[in-house]
Amino acid sequence: MCVLFCVKSGPICAIGEALLKLEVYTDFVQDHIAPSGYIKIPGEISKYLEHSKYLPKLNNERPDERNSTFKDRFTNLHNLVLVMFESDTMLIPKETAWFGYYEDEGFDTLLSAQQTKLYREDWIGLKALDAAGKVKFESVLGDHLSISDEEVVEFVVPYLMQNCM
């Protein structure tokens, strides 16, 4: 697995990945490299929760810092369209686009969104939104964010139009 922006694995990717794994949760990296706030490494969940400055806060993952306002606002969405890109090289695993992720201990077991603690304990309101039929799980071919205009019209526009009428 390469968590950097490498399309193919290779020596530079391997070195970069090793350095990133060693340093990603340091204050310097978190403060100066924006994508580091999105990185969650299985097996390093305690470091991630303690030092990552963006994603744990956004996902209400820190038990002592859960923000009810985040959950309330998320739950009040009219619709949530989650688009997964089948050949995504940026999101690892690609299922994170649907809030799926690995078990905390490693890369062996991939959990669907509905199997994660985030969903089961409803930290951000995803479970409530899904139970209300407001979450749409869509999948398109291609790499990260390579969605065609036609796919936007098919998967996103109908939900935008609902709120205009």
C-alpha atoms as a PDB file:
ATOM      1  CA  MET A   1       0.000   0.000   0.000  1.00  0.00           C
ATOM      2  CA  CYS A   2       1.288   3.434  -0.832  1.00  0.00           C
ATOM      3  CA  VAL A   3      -0.303   6.314   1.049  1.00  0.00           C
ATOM      4  CA  LEU A   4       1.541   8.950  -0.944  1.00  0.00           C
ATOM      5  CA  PHE A   5       0.431  10.218  -4.306  1.00  0.00           C
ATOM      6  CA  CYS A   6       2.181   7.388  -6.134  1.00  0.00           C
ATOM      7  CA  VAL A   7       0.280   5.769  -8.946  1.00  0.00           C
ATOM      8  CA  LYS A   8       2.595   2.766  -8.982  1.00  0.00           C
ATOM      9  CA  SER A   9       4.704   1.331  -6.213  1.00  0.00           C
ATOM     10  CA  GLY A  10       8.445   1.709  -6.477  1.00  0.00           C
ATOM     11  CA  PRO A  11      11.537   2.647  -4.474  1.00  0.00           C
ATOM     12  CA  ILE A  12      10.676   6.349  -4.167  1.00  0.00           C
ATOM     13  CA  CYS A  13       7.149   5.516  -3.086  1.00  0.00           C
ATOM     14  CA  ALA A  14       8.447   2.959  -0.566  1.00  0.00           C
ATOM     15  CA  ILE A  15      10.932   5.435   0.940  1.00  0.00           C
ATOM     16  CA  GLY A  16       8.325   8.191   1.041  1.00  0.00           C
ATOM     17  CA  GLU A  17       5.805   5.873   2.636  1.00  0.00           C
ATOM     18  CA  ALA A  18       8.288   4.755   5.305  1.00  0.00           C
ATOM     19  CA  LEU A  19       9.168   8.358   6.162  1.00  0.00           C
ATOM     20  CA  LEU A  20       5.536   9.364   6.201  1.00  0.00           C
ATOM     21  CA  LYS A  21       4.602   6.501   8.527  1.00  0.00           C
ATOM     22  CA  LEU A  22       7.365   7.520  10.934  1.00  0.00           C
ATOM     23  CA  GLU A  23       6.549  11.211  10.955  1.00  0.00           C
ATOM     24  CA  VAL A  24       2.950  11.752   9.830  1.00  0.00           C
ATOM     25  CA  TYR A  25       1.617  12.379  13.327  1.00  0.00           C
ATOM     26  CA  THR A  26       4.314  14.841  14.385  1.00  0.00           C
ATOM     27  CA  ASP A  27       3.295  18.457  14.938  1.00  0.00           C
ATOM     28  CA  PHE A  28       5.622  19.637  12.169  1.00  0.00           C
ATOM     29  CA  VAL A  29       4.049  17.412   9.519  1.00  0.00           C
ATOM     30  CA  GLN A  30       0.505  18.026  10.765  1.00  0.00           C
ATOM     31  CA  ASP A  31       1.083  21.803  10.715  1.00  0.00           C
ATOM     32  CA  HIS A  32       2.831  22.021   7.334  1.00  0.00           C
ATOM     33  CA  ILE A  33       1.561  19.251   5.054  1.00  0.00           C
ATOM     34  CA  ALA A  34      -2.195  19.529   4.607  1.00  0.00           C
ATOM     35  CA  PRO A  35      -2.911  15.954   3.411  1.00  0.00           C
ATOM     36  CA  SER A  36      -1.336  14.578   6.604  1.00  0.00           C
ATOM     37  CA  GLY A  37      -4.520  15.490   8.462  1.00  0.00           C
ATOM     38  CA  TYR A  38      -6.405  12.943   6.347  1.00  0.00           C
ATOM     39  CA  ILE A  39      -4.085  10.000   6.998  1.00  0.00           C
ATOM     40  CA  LYS A  40      -5.284   7.245   9.334  1.00  0.00           C
ATOM     41  CA  ILE A  41      -2.904   4.318   9.645  1.00  0.00           C
ATOM     42  CA  PRO A  42      -4.282   1.052  11.042  1.00  0.00           C
ATOM     43  CA  GLY A  43      -2.129  -0.105  13.927  1.00  0.00           C
ATOM     44  CA  GLU A  44      -1.375   3.511  14.879  1.00  0.00           C
ATOM     45  CA  ILE A  45      -4.850   4.566  15.922  1.00  0.00           C
ATOM     46  CA  SER A  46      -3.778   5.933  19.319  1.00  0.00           C
ATOM     47  CA  LYS A  47      -1.177   8.205  17.635  1.00  0.00           C
ATOM     48  CA  TYR A  48      -3.750   9.204  15.035  1.00  0.00           C
ATOM     49  CA  LEU A  49      -6.360  10.108  17.647  1.00  0.00           C
ATOM     50  CA  GLU A  50      -3.868  12.033  19.763  1.00  0.00           C
ATOM     51  CA  HIS A  51      -1.933  13.904  17.088  1.00  0.00           C
ATOM     52  CA  SER A  52      -3.864  14.109  13.812  1.00  0.00           C
ATOM     53  CA  LYS A  53      -5.295  17.600  13.624  1.00  0.00           C
ATOM     54  CA  TYR A  54      -8.147  17.212  11.156  1.00  0.00           C
ATOM     55  CA  LEU A  55      -9.880  13.911  10.465  1.00  0.00           C
ATOM     56  CA  PRO A  56     -10.444  12.651  14.049  1.00  0.00           C
ATOM     57  CA  LYS A  57     -12.077  15.966  14.904  1.00  0.00           C
ATOM     58  CA  LEU A  58     -14.231  16.007  11.779  1.00  0.00           C
ATOM     59  CA  ASN A  59     -15.337  12.385  12.305  1.00  0.00           C
ATOM     60  CA  ASN A  60     -15.981  12.862  16.052  1.00  0.00           C
ATOM     61  CA  GLU A  61     -13.560  10.008  16.744  1.00  0.00           C
ATOM     62  CA  ARG A  62     -12.138  11.372  20.006  1.00  0.00           C
ATOM     63  CA  PRO A  63     -14.491  10.156  22.754  1.00  0.00           C
ATOM     64  CA  ASP A  64     -13.753  13.083  25.073  1.00  0.00           C
ATOM     65  CA  GLU A  65     -14.168  15.690  22.315  1.00  0.00           C
ATOM     66  CA  ARG A  66     -17.328  14.624  20.468  1.00  0.00           C
ATOM     67  CA  ASN A  67     -19.062  17.660  19.026  1.00  0.00           C
ATOM     68  CA  SER A  68     -22.840  17.363  19.067  1.00  0.00           C
ATOM     69  CA  THR A  69     -23.117  20.313  16.670  1.00  0.00           C
ATOM     70  CA  PHE A  70     -21.221  18.347  13.983  1.00  0.00           C
ATOM     71  CA  LYS A  71     -23.603  15.438  14.428  1.00  0.00           C
ATOM     72  CA  ASP A  72     -26.719  17.633  14.457  1.00  0.00           C
ATOM     73  CA  ARG A  73     -25.712  19.445  11.274  1.00  0.00           C
ATOM     74  CA  PHE A  74     -24.780  16.229   9.488  1.00  0.00           C
ATOM     75  CA  THR A  75     -28.021  14.542  10.512  1.00  0.00           C
ATOM     76  CA  ASN A  76     -30.006  17.482   9.160  1.00  0.00           C
ATOM     77  CA  LEU A  77     -28.710  17.091   5.611  1.00  0.00           C
ATOM     78  CA  HIS A  78     -31.453  16.512   3.059  1.00  0.00           C
ATOM     79  CA  ASN A  79     -29.294  13.972   1.212  1.00  0.00           C
ATOM     80  CA  LEU A  80     -25.718  12.727   1.261  1.00  0.00           C
ATOM     81  CA  VAL A  81     -24.311  11.355  -1.988  1.00  0.00           C
ATOM     82  CA  LEU A  82     -21.121   9.363  -1.398  1.00  0.00           C
ATOM     83  CA  VAL A  83     -19.197   8.564  -4.567  1.00  0.00           C
ATOM     84  CA  MET A  84     -16.529   5.856  -4.578  1.00  0.00           C
ATOM     85  CA  PHE A  85     -14.068   5.683  -7.477  1.00  0.00           C
ATOM     86  CA  GLU A  86     -13.355   2.062  -8.414  1.00  0.00           C
ATOM     87  CA  SER A  87      -9.717   2.713  -9.394  1.00  0.00           C
ATOM     88  CA  ASP A  88      -8.958   5.293  -6.696  1.00  0.00           C
ATOM     89  CA  THR A  89      -5.228   5.676  -6.048  1.00  0.00           C
ATOM     90  CA  MET A  90      -5.651   8.532  -3.555  1.00  0.00           C
ATOM     91  CA  LEU A  91      -8.043   7.034  -0.994  1.00  0.00           C
ATOM     92  CA  ILE A  92      -6.768   3.836   0.555  1.00  0.00           C
ATOM     93  CA  PRO A  93      -8.899   1.858   0.858  1.00  0.00           C
ATOM     94  CA  LYS A  94     -11.202   3.290  -1.788  1.00  0.00           C
ATOM     95  CA  GLU A  95     -14.145   2.357   0.463  1.00  0.00           C
ATOM     96  CA  THR A  96     -13.322   5.311   2.722  1.00  0.00           C
ATOM     97  CA  ALA A  97     -15.352   7.318   0.211  1.00  0.00           C
ATOM     98  CA  TRP A  98     -18.333   5.472   1.709  1.00  0.00           C
ATOM     99  CA  PHE A  99     -16.935   5.699   5.284  1.00  0.00           C
ATOM    100  CA  GLY A 100     -15.666   2.116   5.152  1.00  0.00           C
ATOM    101  CA  TYR A 101     -12.242   1.396   6.632  1.00  0.00           C
ATOM    102  CA  TYR A 102      -9.900  -1.257   7.944  1.00  0.00           C
ATOM    103  CA  GLU A 103     -10.175  -2.691  11.417  1.00  0.00           C
ATOM    104  CA  ASP A 104      -7.917  -0.712  13.751  1.00  0.00           C
ATOM    105  CA  GLU A 105      -5.269  -3.420  14.061  1.00  0.00           C
ATOM    106  CA  GLY A 106      -4.153  -3.695  10.455  1.00  0.00           C
ATOM    107  CA  PHE A 107      -4.858  -3.885   6.763  1.00  0.00           C
ATOM    108  CA  ASP A 108      -6.312  -7.404   6.769  1.00  0.00           C
ATOM    109  CA  THR A 109     -10.019  -6.815   7.364  1.00  0.00           C
ATOM    110  CA  LEU A 110     -11.971  -4.172   5.480  1.00  0.00           C
ATOM    111  CA  LEU A 111     -15.164  -3.011   7.174  1.00  0.00           C
ATOM    112  CA  SER A 112     -18.152  -1.541   5.382  1.00  0.00           C
ATOM    113  CA  ALA A 113     -19.389   1.782   6.720  1.00  0.00           C
ATOM    114  CA  GLN A 114     -22.147  -0.041   8.595  1.00  0.00           C
ATOM    115  CA  GLN A 115     -19.577  -2.218  10.403  1.00  0.00           C
ATOM    116  CA  THR A 116     -17.460   0.683  11.714  1.00  0.00           C
ATOM    117  CA  LYS A 117     -17.743   2.155  15.205  1.00  0.00           C
ATOM    118  CA  LEU A 118     -18.286   5.564  13.601  1.00  0.00           C
ATOM    119  CA  TYR A 119     -21.507   4.235  12.076  1.00  0.00           C
ATOM    120  CA  ARG A 120     -22.669   1.793  14.773  1.00  0.00           C
ATOM    121  CA  GLU A 121     -22.223   4.356  17.569  1.00  0.00           C
ATOM    122  CA  ASP A 122     -23.382   7.143  15.227  1.00  0.00           C
ATOM    123  CA  TRP A 123     -20.590   9.589  16.034  1.00  0.00           C
ATOM    124  CA  ILE A 124     -21.445  11.960  13.172  1.00  0.00           C
ATOM    125  CA  GLY A 125     -25.063  11.050  12.457  1.00  0.00           C
ATOM    126  CA  LEU A 126     -24.329   8.837   9.446  1.00  0.00           C
ATOM    127  CA  LYS A 127     -26.383   5.967  10.855  1.00  0.00           C
ATOM    128  CA  ALA A 128     -29.391   8.215  11.501  1.00  0.00           C
ATOM    129  CA  LEU A 129     -29.097   9.763   8.044  1.00  0.00           C
ATOM    130  CA  ASP A 130     -28.830   6.317   6.450  1.00  0.00           C
ATOM    131  CA  ALA A 131     -31.803   4.995   8.446  1.00  0.00           C
ATOM    132  CA  ALA A 132     -33.825   7.926   7.113  1.00  0.00           C
ATOM    133  CA  GLY A 133     -32.957   6.860   3.542  1.00  0.00           C
ATOM    134  CA  LYS A 134     -30.893   9.975   2.909  1.00  0.00           C
ATOM    135  CA  VAL A 135     -27.511   8.370   2.132  1.00  0.00           C
ATOM    136  CA  LYS A 136     -26.819   7.375  -1.460  1.00  0.00           C
ATOM    137  CA  PHE A 137     -23.843   5.087  -2.097  1.00  0.00           C
ATOM    138  CA  GLU A 138     -22.699   5.507  -5.705  1.00  0.00           C
ATOM    139  CA  SER A 139     -19.725   3.967  -7.491  1.00  0.00           C
ATOM    140  CA  VAL A 140     -18.062   5.149 -10.688  1.00  0.00           C
ATOM    141  CA  LEU A 141     -15.176   3.867 -12.761  1.00  0.00           C
ATOM    142  CA  GLY A 142     -11.906   5.736 -12.750  1.00  0.00           C
ATOM    143  CA  ASP A 143      -9.423   7.306 -10.393  1.00  0.00           C
ATOM    144  CA  HIS A 144      -9.939   9.821  -7.589  1.00  0.00           C
ATOM    145  CA  LEU A 145     -12.376  12.602  -8.508  1.00  0.00           C
ATOM    146  CA  SER A 146     -12.490  11.565 -12.166  1.00  0.00           C
ATOM    147  CA  ILE A 147     -16.243  11.814 -12.378  1.00  0.00           C
ATOM    148  CA  SER A 148     -17.777  12.699 -15.720  1.00  0.00           C
ATOM    149  CA  ASP A 149     -20.375  15.399 -16.250  1.00  0.00           C
ATOM    150  CA  GLU A 150     -22.833  12.667 -17.168  1.00  0.00           C
ATOM    151  CA  GLU A 151     -22.221  10.874 -13.857  1.00  0.00           C
ATOM    152  CA  VAL A 152     -22.698  14.119 -11.922  1.00  0.00           C
ATOM    153  CA  VAL A 153     -26.007  14.611 -13.721  1.00  0.00           C
ATOM    154  CA  GLU A 154     -27.008  11.007 -12.981  1.00  0.00           C
ATOM    155  CA  PHE A 155     -25.881  10.699  -9.358  1.00  0.00           C
ATOM    156  CA  VAL A 156     -25.804  14.209  -7.864  1.00  0.00           C
ATOM    157  CA  VAL A 157     -28.085  16.605  -9.723  1.00  0.00           C
ATOM    158  CA  PRO A 158     -31.348  14.773  -8.890  1.00  0.00           C
ATOM    159  CA  TYR A 159     -30.748  15.402  -5.182  1.00  0.00           C
ATOM    160  CA  LEU A 160     -29.910  19.044  -5.777  1.00  0.00           C
ATOM    161  CA  MET A 161     -33.096  19.439  -7.797  1.00  0.00           C
ATOM    162  CA  GLN A 162     -35.221  18.010  -4.947  1.00  0.00           C
ATOM    163  CA  ASN A 163     -34.290  20.986  -2.801  1.00  0.00           C
ATOM    164  CA  CYS A 164     -35.063  23.517  -5.540  1.00  0.00           C
ATOM    165  CA  MET A 165     -38.698  22.569  -5.945  1.00  0.00           C
END
